[in-house]
């Protein structure tokens, strides 16, 4: 229970797609204001060093997950483009060029 006159606030922060620098900046600003983050779903709060470390680690993993998804999507698009062209190198024939194969 919070001290008298202090209302608990509940917020959801989706880490996916965020940068660790943004998370660090948010945590620093909240700390400066005397706000402690306690997770409803994860076992940490930022009033202790271990909780601050855990928050940063979760942010690092979220940023890594986002970058991995971007890399996989990009690779899939490139793979599909190569497959669609029918050539192993992914190049298409020049406009107006005729094929010598029959």
PDB file of N, CA and C in Angstrom:
ATOM      1  N   UNK A   1       0.847  -1.177   0.000  1.00  0.00           N
ATOM      2  CA  UNK A   1       0.000   0.000   0.000  1.00  0.00           C
ATOM      3  C   UNK A   1       0.895   1.244   0.000  1.00  0.00           C
ATOM      4  N   UNK A   2       0.619   2.208  -0.882  1.00  0.00           N
ATOM      5  CA  UNK A   2       1.435   3.423  -0.921  1.00  0.00           C
ATOM      6  C   UNK A   2       1.170   4.302   0.298  1.00  0.00           C
ATOM      7  N   UNK A   3       2.109   5.193   0.617  1.00  0.00           N
ATOM      8  CA  UNK A   3       1.897   6.120   1.739  1.00  0.00           C
ATOM      9  C   UNK A   3       0.665   6.989   1.504  1.00  0.00           C
ATOM     10  N   UNK A   4       0.130   7.543   2.591  1.00  0.00           N
ATOM     11  CA  UNK A   4      -1.063   8.392   2.500  1.00  0.00           C
ATOM     12  C   UNK A   4      -0.826   9.544   1.527  1.00  0.00           C
ATOM     13  N   UNK A   5      -1.807   9.794   0.686  1.00  0.00           N
ATOM     14  CA  UNK A   5      -1.730  10.896  -0.265  1.00  0.00           C
ATOM     15  C   UNK A   5      -1.032  10.549  -1.564  1.00  0.00           C
ATOM     16  N   UNK A   6      -0.510   9.329  -1.682  1.00  0.00           N
ATOM     17  CA  UNK A   6       0.170   8.925  -2.910  1.00  0.00           C
ATOM     18  C   UNK A   6      -0.653   7.817  -3.573  1.00  0.00           C
ATOM     19  N   UNK A   7      -1.039   8.073  -4.775  1.00  0.00           N
ATOM     20  CA  UNK A   7      -1.829   7.108  -5.535  1.00  0.00           C
ATOM     21  C   UNK A   7      -0.914   6.272  -6.420  1.00  0.00           C
ATOM     22  N   UNK A   8      -1.106   4.966  -6.414  1.00  0.00           N
ATOM     23  CA  UNK A   8      -0.310   4.144  -7.339  1.00  0.00           C
ATOM     24  C   UNK A   8      -0.788   4.364  -8.769  1.00  0.00           C
ATOM     25  N   UNK A   9       0.117   4.348  -9.672  1.00  0.00           N
ATOM     26  CA  UNK A   9      -0.220   4.500 -11.086  1.00  0.00           C
ATOM     27  C   UNK A   9       0.080   3.191 -11.788  1.00  0.00           C
ATOM     28  N   UNK A  10      -0.737   2.859 -12.732  1.00  0.00           N
ATOM     29  CA  UNK A  10      -0.538   1.632 -13.492  1.00  0.00           C
ATOM     30  C   UNK A  10      -0.356   2.000 -14.954  1.00  0.00           C
ATOM     31  N   UNK A  11       0.660   1.466 -15.542  1.00  0.00           N
ATOM     32  CA  UNK A  11       0.930   1.737 -16.953  1.00  0.00           C
ATOM     33  C   UNK A  11       1.524   0.493 -17.583  1.00  0.00           C
ATOM     34  N   UNK A  12       1.304   0.367 -18.862  1.00  0.00           N
ATOM     35  CA  UNK A  12       1.894  -0.738 -19.616  1.00  0.00           C
ATOM     36  C   UNK A  12       2.841  -0.119 -20.620  1.00  0.00           C
ATOM     37  N   UNK A  13       4.066  -0.615 -20.632  1.00  0.00           N
ATOM     38  CA  UNK A  13       5.048  -0.126 -21.593  1.00  0.00           C
ATOM     39  C   UNK A  13       5.471  -1.291 -22.451  1.00  0.00           C
ATOM     40  N   UNK A  14       5.184  -1.203 -23.710  1.00  0.00           N
ATOM     41  CA  UNK A  14       5.554  -2.249 -24.656  1.00  0.00           C
ATOM     42  C   UNK A  14       6.970  -1.972 -25.119  1.00  0.00           C
ATOM     43  N   UNK A  15       7.891  -2.866 -24.755  1.00  0.00           N
ATOM     44  CA  UNK A  15       9.303  -2.662 -25.079  1.00  0.00           C
ATOM     45  C   UNK A  15       9.627  -2.947 -26.538  1.00  0.00           C
ATOM     46  N   UNK A  16       8.787  -3.704 -27.188  1.00  0.00           N
ATOM     47  CA  UNK A  16       9.075  -4.072 -28.575  1.00  0.00           C
ATOM     48  C   UNK A  16       9.162  -2.839 -29.456  1.00  0.00           C
ATOM     49  N   UNK A  17      10.243  -2.731 -30.189  1.00  0.00           N
ATOM     50  CA  UNK A  17      10.424  -1.615 -31.104  1.00  0.00           C
ATOM     51  C   UNK A  17      11.030  -0.389 -30.452  1.00  0.00           C
ATOM     52  N   UNK A  18      11.280  -0.442 -29.157  1.00  0.00           N
ATOM     53  CA  UNK A  18      11.883   0.685 -28.462  1.00  0.00           C
ATOM     54  C   UNK A  18      13.391   0.495 -28.393  1.00  0.00           C
ATOM     55  N   UNK A  19      14.086   1.546 -28.186  1.00  0.00           N
ATOM     56  CA  UNK A  19      15.543   1.516 -28.048  1.00  0.00           C
ATOM     57  C   UNK A  19      15.906   1.503 -26.570  1.00  0.00           C
ATOM     58  N   UNK A  20      17.003   0.840 -26.250  1.00  0.00           N
ATOM     59  CA  UNK A  20      17.452   0.779 -24.862  1.00  0.00           C
ATOM     60  C   UNK A  20      17.748   2.179 -24.348  1.00  0.00           C
ATOM     61  N   UNK A  21      18.207   3.073 -25.223  1.00  0.00           N
ATOM     62  CA  UNK A  21      18.490   4.446 -24.790  1.00  0.00           C
ATOM     63  C   UNK A  21      17.202   5.152 -24.345  1.00  0.00           C
ATOM     64  N   UNK A  22      16.080   4.854 -25.013  1.00  0.00           N
ATOM     65  CA  UNK A  22      14.803   5.445 -24.622  1.00  0.00           C
ATOM     66  C   UNK A  22      14.368   4.917 -23.253  1.00  0.00           C
ATOM     67  N   UNK A  23      14.552   3.619 -23.045  1.00  0.00           N
ATOM     68  CA  UNK A  23      14.190   3.018 -21.771  1.00  0.00           C
ATOM     69  C   UNK A  23      15.056   3.597 -20.648  1.00  0.00           C
ATOM     70  N   UNK A  24      16.358   3.732 -20.886  1.00  0.00           N
ATOM     71  CA  UNK A  24      17.265   4.284 -19.880  1.00  0.00           C
ATOM     72  C   UNK A  24      16.886   5.725 -19.556  1.00  0.00           C
ATOM     73  N   UNK A  25      16.547   6.492 -20.577  1.00  0.00           N
ATOM     74  CA  UNK A  25      16.153   7.884 -20.374  1.00  0.00           C
ATOM     75  C   UNK A  25      14.863   7.964 -19.544  1.00  0.00           C
ATOM     76  N   UNK A  26      13.888   7.098 -19.857  1.00  0.00           N
ATOM     77  CA  UNK A  26      12.637   7.071 -19.107  1.00  0.00           C
ATOM     78  C   UNK A  26      12.896   6.690 -17.648  1.00  0.00           C
ATOM     79  N   UNK A  27      13.693   5.638 -17.433  1.00  0.00           N
ATOM     80  CA  UNK A  27      13.986   5.187 -16.072  1.00  0.00           C
ATOM     81  C   UNK A  27      14.717   6.273 -15.284  1.00  0.00           C
ATOM     82  N   UNK A  28      15.648   6.964 -15.926  1.00  0.00           N
ATOM     83  CA  UNK A  28      16.402   8.034 -15.268  1.00  0.00           C
ATOM     84  C   UNK A  28      15.485   9.190 -14.872  1.00  0.00           C
ATOM     85  N   UNK A  29      14.592   9.569 -15.768  1.00  0.00           N
ATOM     86  CA  UNK A  29      13.662  10.663 -15.492  1.00  0.00           C
ATOM     87  C   UNK A  29      12.714  10.288 -14.345  1.00  0.00           C
ATOM     88  N   UNK A  30      12.197   9.065 -14.366  1.00  0.00           N
ATOM     89  CA  UNK A  30      11.298   8.631 -13.294  1.00  0.00           C
ATOM     90  C   UNK A  30      12.041   8.571 -11.960  1.00  0.00           C
ATOM     91  N   UNK A  31      13.290   8.105 -11.984  1.00  0.00           N
ATOM     92  CA  UNK A  31      14.103   8.054 -10.771  1.00  0.00           C
ATOM     93  C   UNK A  31      14.325   9.455 -10.215  1.00  0.00           C
ATOM     94  N   UNK A  32      14.603  10.400 -11.109  1.00  0.00           N
ATOM     95  CA  UNK A  32      14.811  11.794 -10.702  1.00  0.00           C
ATOM     96  C   UNK A  32      13.559  12.355 -10.026  1.00  0.00           C
ATOM     97  N   UNK A  33      12.393  11.916 -10.487  1.00  0.00           N
ATOM     98  CA  UNK A  33      11.125  12.374  -9.918  1.00  0.00           C
ATOM     99  C   UNK A  33      10.712  11.576  -8.679  1.00  0.00           C
ATOM    100  N   UNK A  34      11.531  10.572  -8.332  1.00  0.00           N
ATOM    101  CA  UNK A  34      11.226   9.758  -7.159  1.00  0.00           C
ATOM    102  C   UNK A  34      10.195   8.677  -7.404  1.00  0.00           C
ATOM    103  N   UNK A  35      10.003   8.323  -8.665  1.00  0.00           N
ATOM    104  CA  UNK A  35       9.030   7.292  -9.026  1.00  0.00           C
ATOM    105  C   UNK A  35       9.729   5.943  -9.080  1.00  0.00           C
ATOM    106  N   UNK A  36       9.141   4.954  -8.442  1.00  0.00           N
ATOM    107  CA  UNK A  36       9.669   3.596  -8.444  1.00  0.00           C
ATOM    108  C   UNK A  36       8.780   2.750  -9.348  1.00  0.00           C
ATOM    109  N   UNK A  37       9.411   2.007 -10.229  1.00  0.00           N
ATOM    110  CA  UNK A  37       8.653   1.106 -11.104  1.00  0.00           C
ATOM    111  C   UNK A  37       8.616  -0.280 -10.468  1.00  0.00           C
ATOM    112  N   UNK A  38       7.429  -0.827 -10.350  1.00  0.00           N
ATOM    113  CA  UNK A  38       7.263  -2.194  -9.883  1.00  0.00           C
ATOM    114  C   UNK A  38       6.452  -2.910 -10.945  1.00  0.00           C
ATOM    115  N   UNK A  39       7.006  -3.962 -11.459  1.00  0.00           N
ATOM    116  CA  UNK A  39       6.333  -4.697 -12.521  1.00  0.00           C
ATOM    117  C   UNK A  39       5.239  -5.598 -11.959  1.00  0.00           C
ATOM    118  N   UNK A  40       4.115  -5.611 -12.651  1.00  0.00           N
ATOM    119  CA  UNK A  40       3.026  -6.508 -12.271  1.00  0.00           C
ATOM    120  C   UNK A  40       3.245  -7.907 -12.842  1.00  0.00           C
ATOM    121  N   UNK A  41       4.095  -8.006 -13.861  1.00  0.00           N
ATOM    122  CA  UNK A  41       4.287  -9.296 -14.525  1.00  0.00           C
ATOM    123  C   UNK A  41       5.698  -9.844 -14.396  1.00  0.00           C
ATOM    124  N   UNK A  42       6.659  -9.009 -14.006  1.00  0.00           N
ATOM    125  CA  UNK A  42       8.054  -9.434 -13.870  1.00  0.00           C
ATOM    126  C   UNK A  42       8.489  -9.204 -12.423  1.00  0.00           C
ATOM    127  N   UNK A  43       9.397 -10.035 -11.910  1.00  0.00           N
ATOM    128  CA  UNK A  43       9.785  -9.918 -10.497  1.00  0.00           C
ATOM    129  C   UNK A  43      10.864  -8.859 -10.237  1.00  0.00           C
ATOM    130  N   UNK A  44      10.554  -7.599 -10.441  1.00  0.00           N
ATOM    131  CA  UNK A  44      11.528  -6.547 -10.147  1.00  0.00           C
ATOM    132  C   UNK A  44      10.843  -5.234  -9.820  1.00  0.00           C
ATOM    133  N   UNK A  45      11.560  -4.399  -9.097  1.00  0.00           N
ATOM    134  CA  UNK A  45      11.165  -3.004  -8.939  1.00  0.00           C
ATOM    135  C   UNK A  45      12.442  -2.180  -8.941  1.00  0.00           C
ATOM    136  N   UNK A  46      12.329  -0.949  -9.388  1.00  0.00           N
ATOM    137  CA  UNK A  46      13.516  -0.128  -9.611  1.00  0.00           C
ATOM    138  C   UNK A  46      13.994   0.605  -8.368  1.00  0.00           C
ATOM    139  N   UNK A  47      13.449   0.262  -7.202  1.00  0.00           N
ATOM    140  CA  UNK A  47      13.949   0.883  -5.977  1.00  0.00           C
ATOM    141  C   UNK A  47      15.250   0.222  -5.530  1.00  0.00           C
ATOM    142  N   UNK A  48      15.571  -0.949  -6.101  1.00  0.00           N
ATOM    143  CA  UNK A  48      16.804  -1.667  -5.766  1.00  0.00           C
ATOM    144  C   UNK A  48      17.692  -1.780  -7.001  1.00  0.00           C
ATOM    145  N   UNK A  49      18.976  -1.938  -6.766  1.00  0.00           N
ATOM    146  CA  UNK A  49      19.936  -2.050  -7.874  1.00  0.00           C
ATOM    147  C   UNK A  49      19.608  -3.236  -8.780  1.00  0.00           C
ATOM    148  N   UNK A  50      19.212  -4.347  -8.189  1.00  0.00           N
ATOM    149  CA  UNK A  50      18.886  -5.537  -8.992  1.00  0.00           C
ATOM    150  C   UNK A  50      17.685  -5.274  -9.901  1.00  0.00           C
ATOM    151  N   UNK A  51      16.720  -4.516  -9.413  1.00  0.00           N
ATOM    152  CA  UNK A  51      15.552  -4.184 -10.227  1.00  0.00           C
ATOM    153  C   UNK A  51      15.903  -3.272 -11.389  1.00  0.00           C
ATOM    154  N   UNK A  52      16.783  -2.303 -11.152  1.00  0.00           N
ATOM    155  CA  UNK A  52      17.222  -1.413 -12.231  1.00  0.00           C
ATOM    156  C   UNK A  52      18.004  -2.201 -13.282  1.00  0.00           C
ATOM    157  N   UNK A  53      18.842  -3.144 -12.818  1.00  0.00           N
ATOM    158  CA  UNK A  53      19.592  -3.978 -13.754  1.00  0.00           C
ATOM    159  C   UNK A  53      18.633  -4.837 -14.589  1.00  0.00           C
ATOM    160  N   UNK A  54      17.635  -5.421 -13.944  1.00  0.00           N
ATOM    161  CA  UNK A  54      16.680  -6.277 -14.642  1.00  0.00           C
ATOM    162  C   UNK A  54      15.916  -5.479 -15.697  1.00  0.00           C
ATOM    163  N   UNK A  55      15.518  -4.265 -15.371  1.00  0.00           N
ATOM    164  CA  UNK A  55      14.811  -3.415 -16.331  1.00  0.00           C
ATOM    165  C   UNK A  55      15.681  -3.153 -17.556  1.00  0.00           C
ATOM    166  N   UNK A  56      16.960  -2.868 -17.326  1.00  0.00           N
ATOM    167  CA  UNK A  56      17.872  -2.621 -18.447  1.00  0.00           C
ATOM    168  C   UNK A  56      18.080  -3.882 -19.273  1.00  0.00           C
ATOM    169  N   UNK A  57      18.188  -5.035 -18.630  1.00  0.00           N
ATOM    170  CA  UNK A  57      18.368  -6.289 -19.364  1.00  0.00           C
ATOM    171  C   UNK A  57      17.139  -6.600 -20.222  1.00  0.00           C
ATOM    172  N   UNK A  58      15.958  -6.378 -19.669  1.00  0.00           N
ATOM    173  CA  UNK A  58      14.739  -6.602 -20.448  1.00  0.00           C
ATOM    174  C   UNK A  58      14.706  -5.678 -21.665  1.00  0.00           C
ATOM    175  N   UNK A  59      15.159  -4.458 -21.488  1.00  0.00           N
ATOM    176  CA  UNK A  59      15.221  -3.519 -22.609  1.00  0.00           C
ATOM    177  C   UNK A  59      16.201  -3.968 -23.680  1.00  0.00           C
ATOM    178  N   UNK A  60      17.351  -4.491 -23.256  1.00  0.00           N
ATOM    179  CA  UNK A  60      18.349  -4.984 -24.210  1.00  0.00           C
ATOM    180  C   UNK A  60      17.781  -6.156 -25.009  1.00  0.00           C
ATOM    181  N   UNK A  61      17.125  -7.078 -24.323  1.00  0.00           N
ATOM    182  CA  UNK A  61      16.544  -8.224 -25.032  1.00  0.00           C
ATOM    183  C   UNK A  61      15.427  -7.797 -25.976  1.00  0.00           C
ATOM    184  N   UNK A  62      14.632  -6.817 -25.587  1.00  0.00           N
ATOM    185  CA  UNK A  62      13.562  -6.329 -26.463  1.00  0.00           C
ATOM    186  C   UNK A  62      14.148  -5.688 -27.718  1.00  0.00           C
ATOM    187  N   UNK A  63      15.219  -4.903 -27.555  1.00  0.00           N
ATOM    188  CA  UNK A  63      15.853  -4.278 -28.719  1.00  0.00           C
ATOM    189  C   UNK A  63      16.471  -5.337 -29.629  1.00  0.00           C
ATOM    190  N   UNK A  64      17.095  -6.358 -29.036  1.00  0.00           N
ATOM    191  CA  UNK A  64      17.679  -7.455 -29.817  1.00  0.00           C
ATOM    192  C   UNK A  64      16.594  -8.200 -30.598  1.00  0.00           C
ATOM    193  N   UNK A  65      15.472  -8.476 -29.938  1.00  0.00           N
ATOM    194  CA  UNK A  65      14.368  -9.176 -30.592  1.00  0.00           C
ATOM    195  C   UNK A  65      13.851  -8.367 -31.783  1.00  0.00           C
ATOM    196  N   UNK A  66      13.707  -7.072 -31.611  1.00  0.00           N
ATOM    197  CA  UNK A  66      13.230  -6.212 -32.693  1.00  0.00           C
ATOM    198  C   UNK A  66      14.200  -6.245 -33.877  1.00  0.00           C
ATOM    199  N   UNK A  67      15.499  -6.115 -33.588  1.00  0.00           N
ATOM    200  CA  UNK A  67      16.507  -6.131 -34.660  1.00  0.00           C
ATOM    201  C   UNK A  67      16.524  -7.473 -35.385  1.00  0.00           C
ATOM    202  N   UNK A  68      16.346  -8.559 -34.646  1.00  0.00           N
ATOM    203  CA  UNK A  68      16.318  -9.893 -35.249  1.00  0.00           C
ATOM    204  C   UNK A  68      15.126 -10.032 -36.188  1.00  0.00           C
ATOM    205  N   UNK A  69      13.982  -9.540 -35.791  1.00  0.00           N
ATOM    206  CA  UNK A  69      12.787  -9.602 -36.638  1.00  0.00           C
ATOM    207  C   UNK A  69      13.011  -8.800 -37.915  1.00  0.00           C
ATOM    208  N   UNK A  70      13.576  -7.608 -37.798  1.00  0.00           N
ATOM    209  CA  UNK A  70      13.851  -6.775 -38.970  1.00  0.00           C
ATOM    210  C   UNK A  70      14.800  -7.507 -39.921  1.00  0.00           C
ATOM    211  N   UNK A  71      15.858  -8.120 -39.380  1.00  0.00           N
ATOM    212  CA  UNK A  71      16.816  -8.861 -40.211  1.00  0.00           C
ATOM    213  C   UNK A  71      16.145 -10.023 -40.936  1.00  0.00           C
ATOM    214  N   UNK A  72      15.287 -10.750 -40.238  1.00  0.00           N
ATOM    215  CA  UNK A  72      14.614 -11.908 -40.859  1.00  0.00           C
ATOM    216  C   UNK A  72      13.641 -11.476 -41.946  1.00  0.00           C
ATOM    217  N   UNK A  73      12.917 -10.414 -41.706  1.00  0.00           N
ATOM    218  CA  UNK A  73      11.978  -9.918 -42.710  1.00  0.00           C
ATOM    219  C   UNK A  73      12.741  -9.457 -43.950  1.00  0.00           C
ATOM    220  N   UNK A  74      13.822  -8.726 -43.748  1.00  0.00           N
ATOM    221  CA  UNK A  74      14.634  -8.252 -44.866  1.00  0.00           C
ATOM    222  C   UNK A  74      15.193  -9.422 -45.668  1.00  0.00           C
ATOM    223  N   UNK A  75      15.709 -10.433 -44.987  1.00  0.00           N
ATOM    224  CA  UNK A  75      16.244 -11.616 -45.672  1.00  0.00           C
ATOM    225  C   UNK A  75      15.148 -12.343 -46.443  1.00  0.00           C
ATOM    226  N   UNK A  76      13.969 -12.425 -45.877  1.00  0.00           N
ATOM    227  CA  UNK A  76      12.846 -13.075 -46.565  1.00  0.00           C
ATOM    228  C   UNK A  76      12.436 -12.327 -47.819  1.00  0.00           C
ATOM    229  N   UNK A  77      12.416 -11.007 -47.759  1.00  0.00           N
ATOM    230  CA  UNK A  77      12.078 -10.199 -48.932  1.00  0.00           C
ATOM    231  C   UNK A  77      13.117 -10.401 -50.027  1.00  0.00           C
ATOM    232  N   UNK A  78      14.393 -10.397 -49.646  1.00  0.00           N
ATOM    233  CA  UNK A  78      15.461 -10.608 -50.630  1.00  0.00           C
ATOM    234  C   UNK A  78      15.388 -12.000 -51.243  1.00  0.00           C
ATOM    235  N   UNK A  79      15.114 -13.011 -50.414  1.00  0.00           N
ATOM    236  CA  UNK A  79      14.986 -14.383 -50.908  1.00  0.00           C
ATOM    237  C   UNK A  79      13.830 -14.505 -51.898  1.00  0.00           C
ATOM    238  N   UNK A  80      12.723 -13.879 -51.566  1.00  0.00           N
ATOM    239  CA  UNK A  80      11.551 -13.945 -52.446  1.00  0.00           C
ATOM    240  C   UNK A  80      11.817 -13.235 -53.768  1.00  0.00           C
ATOM    241  N   UNK A  81      12.541 -12.113 -53.727  1.00  0.00           N
ATOM    242  CA  UNK A  81      12.863 -11.381 -54.954  1.00  0.00           C
ATOM    243  C   UNK A  81      13.747 -12.227 -55.859  1.00  0.00           C
ATOM    244  N   UNK A  82      14.710 -12.932 -55.282  1.00  0.00           N
ATOM    245  CA  UNK A  82      15.578 -13.796 -56.079  1.00  0.00           C
ATOM    246  C   UNK A  82      14.787 -14.947 -56.697  1.00  0.00           C
ATOM    247  N   UNK A  83      13.911 -15.517 -55.927  1.00  0.00           N
ATOM    248  CA  UNK A  83      13.111 -16.649 -56.405  1.00  0.00           C
ATOM    249  C   UNK A  83      12.162 -16.209 -57.527  1.00  0.00           C
ATOM    250  N   UNK A  84      11.603 -15.024 -57.398  1.00  0.00           N
ATOM    251  CA  UNK A  84      10.658 -14.516 -58.398  1.00  0.00           C
ATOM    252  C   UNK A  84      11.338 -14.224 -59.725  1.00  0.00           C
ATOM    253  N   UNK A  85      12.614 -13.863 -59.682  1.00  0.00           N
ATOM    254  CA  UNK A  85      13.294 -13.511 -60.924  1.00  0.00           C
ATOM    255  C   UNK A  85      13.683 -14.742 -61.730  1.00  0.00           C
ATOM    256  N   UNK A  86      13.767 -15.894 -61.087  1.00  0.00           N
ATOM    257  CA  UNK A  86      14.114 -17.120 -61.788  1.00  0.00           C
ATOM    258  C   UNK A  86      15.605 -17.301 -61.994  1.00  0.00           C
ATOM    259  N   UNK A  87      16.392 -16.340 -61.618  1.00  0.00           N
ATOM    260  CA  UNK A  87      17.845 -16.449 -61.761  1.00  0.00           C
ATOM    261  C   UNK A  87      18.466 -16.587 -60.373  1.00  0.00           C
ATOM    262  N   UNK A  88      19.520 -17.394 -60.259  1.00  0.00           N
ATOM    263  CA  UNK A  88      20.121 -17.619 -58.954  1.00  0.00           C
ATOM    264  C   UNK A  88      20.655 -16.351 -58.295  1.00  0.00           C
ATOM    265  N   UNK A  89      21.089 -15.381 -59.092  1.00  0.00           N
ATOM    266  CA  UNK A  89      21.630 -14.154 -58.515  1.00  0.00           C
ATOM    267  C   UNK A  89      20.549 -13.104 -58.270  1.00  0.00           C
ATOM    268  N   UNK A  90      19.308 -13.411 -58.649  1.00  0.00           N
ATOM    269  CA  UNK A  90      18.195 -12.508 -58.420  1.00  0.00           C
ATOM    270  C   UNK A  90      18.025 -11.432 -59.464  1.00  0.00           C
ATOM    271  N   UNK A  91      18.901 -11.387 -60.485  1.00  0.00           N
ATOM    272  CA  UNK A  91      18.811 -10.355 -61.520  1.00  0.00           C
ATOM    273  C   UNK A  91      17.764 -10.731 -62.547  1.00  0.00           C
ATOM    274  N   UNK A  92      17.114  -9.730 -63.075  1.00  0.00           N
ATOM    275  CA  UNK A  92      16.148  -9.942 -64.149  1.00  0.00           C
ATOM    276  C   UNK A  92      16.814  -9.560 -65.465  1.00  0.00           C
ATOM    277  N   UNK A  93      16.242 -10.014 -66.541  1.00  0.00           N
ATOM    278  CA  UNK A  93      16.771  -9.661 -67.859  1.00  0.00           C
ATOM    279  C   UNK A  93      16.544  -8.184 -68.125  1.00  0.00           C
ATOM    280  N   UNK A  94      17.410  -7.610 -68.937  1.00  0.00           N
ATOM    281  CA  UNK A  94      17.250  -6.217 -69.315  1.00  0.00           C
ATOM    282  C   UNK A  94      15.991  -6.070 -70.163  1.00  0.00           C
ATOM    283  N   UNK A  95      15.320  -4.934 -70.071  1.00  0.00           N
ATOM    284  CA  UNK A  95      14.114  -4.728 -70.881  1.00  0.00           C
ATOM    285  C   UNK A  95      14.417  -4.904 -72.368  1.00  0.00           C
ATOM    286  N   UNK A  96      13.573  -5.666 -73.041  1.00  0.00           N
ATOM    287  CA  UNK A  96      13.741  -5.883 -74.473  1.00  0.00           C
ATOM    288  C   UNK A  96      14.703  -6.992 -74.835  1.00  0.00           C
ATOM    289  N   UNK A  97      15.384  -7.559 -73.850  1.00  0.00           N
ATOM    290  CA  UNK A  97      16.351  -8.650 -74.122  1.00  0.00           C
ATOM    291  C   UNK A  97      15.567  -9.917 -74.402  1.00  0.00           C
ATOM    292  N   UNK A  98      16.089 -10.711 -75.287  1.00  0.00           N
ATOM    293  CA  UNK A  98      15.462 -11.993 -75.607  1.00  0.00           C
ATOM    294  C   UNK A  98      16.308 -13.118 -75.066  1.00  0.00           C
ATOM    295  N   UNK A  99      15.652 -14.166 -74.689  1.00  0.00           N
ATOM    296  CA  UNK A  99      16.350 -15.311 -74.140  1.00  0.00           C
ATOM    297  C   UNK A  99      16.910 -16.161 -75.265  1.00  0.00           C
ATOM    298  N   UNK A 100      18.116 -16.684 -75.104  1.00  0.00           N
ATOM    299  CA  UNK A 100      18.730 -17.543 -76.105  1.00  0.00           C
ATOM    300  C   UNK A 100      18.311 -19.002 -75.883  1.00  0.00           C
ATOM    301  N   UNK A 101      17.712 -19.277 -74.728  1.00  0.00           N
ATOM    302  CA  UNK A 101      17.255 -20.660 -74.442  1.00  0.00           C
ATOM    303  C   UNK A 101      15.956 -20.944 -75.162  1.00  0.00           C
ATOM    304  N   UNK A 102      15.808 -22.183 -75.577  1.00  0.00           N
ATOM    305  CA  UNK A 102      14.540 -22.614 -76.208  1.00  0.00           C
ATOM    306  C   UNK A 102      14.214 -24.005 -75.796  1.00  0.00           C
TER     307      UNK A 102
END
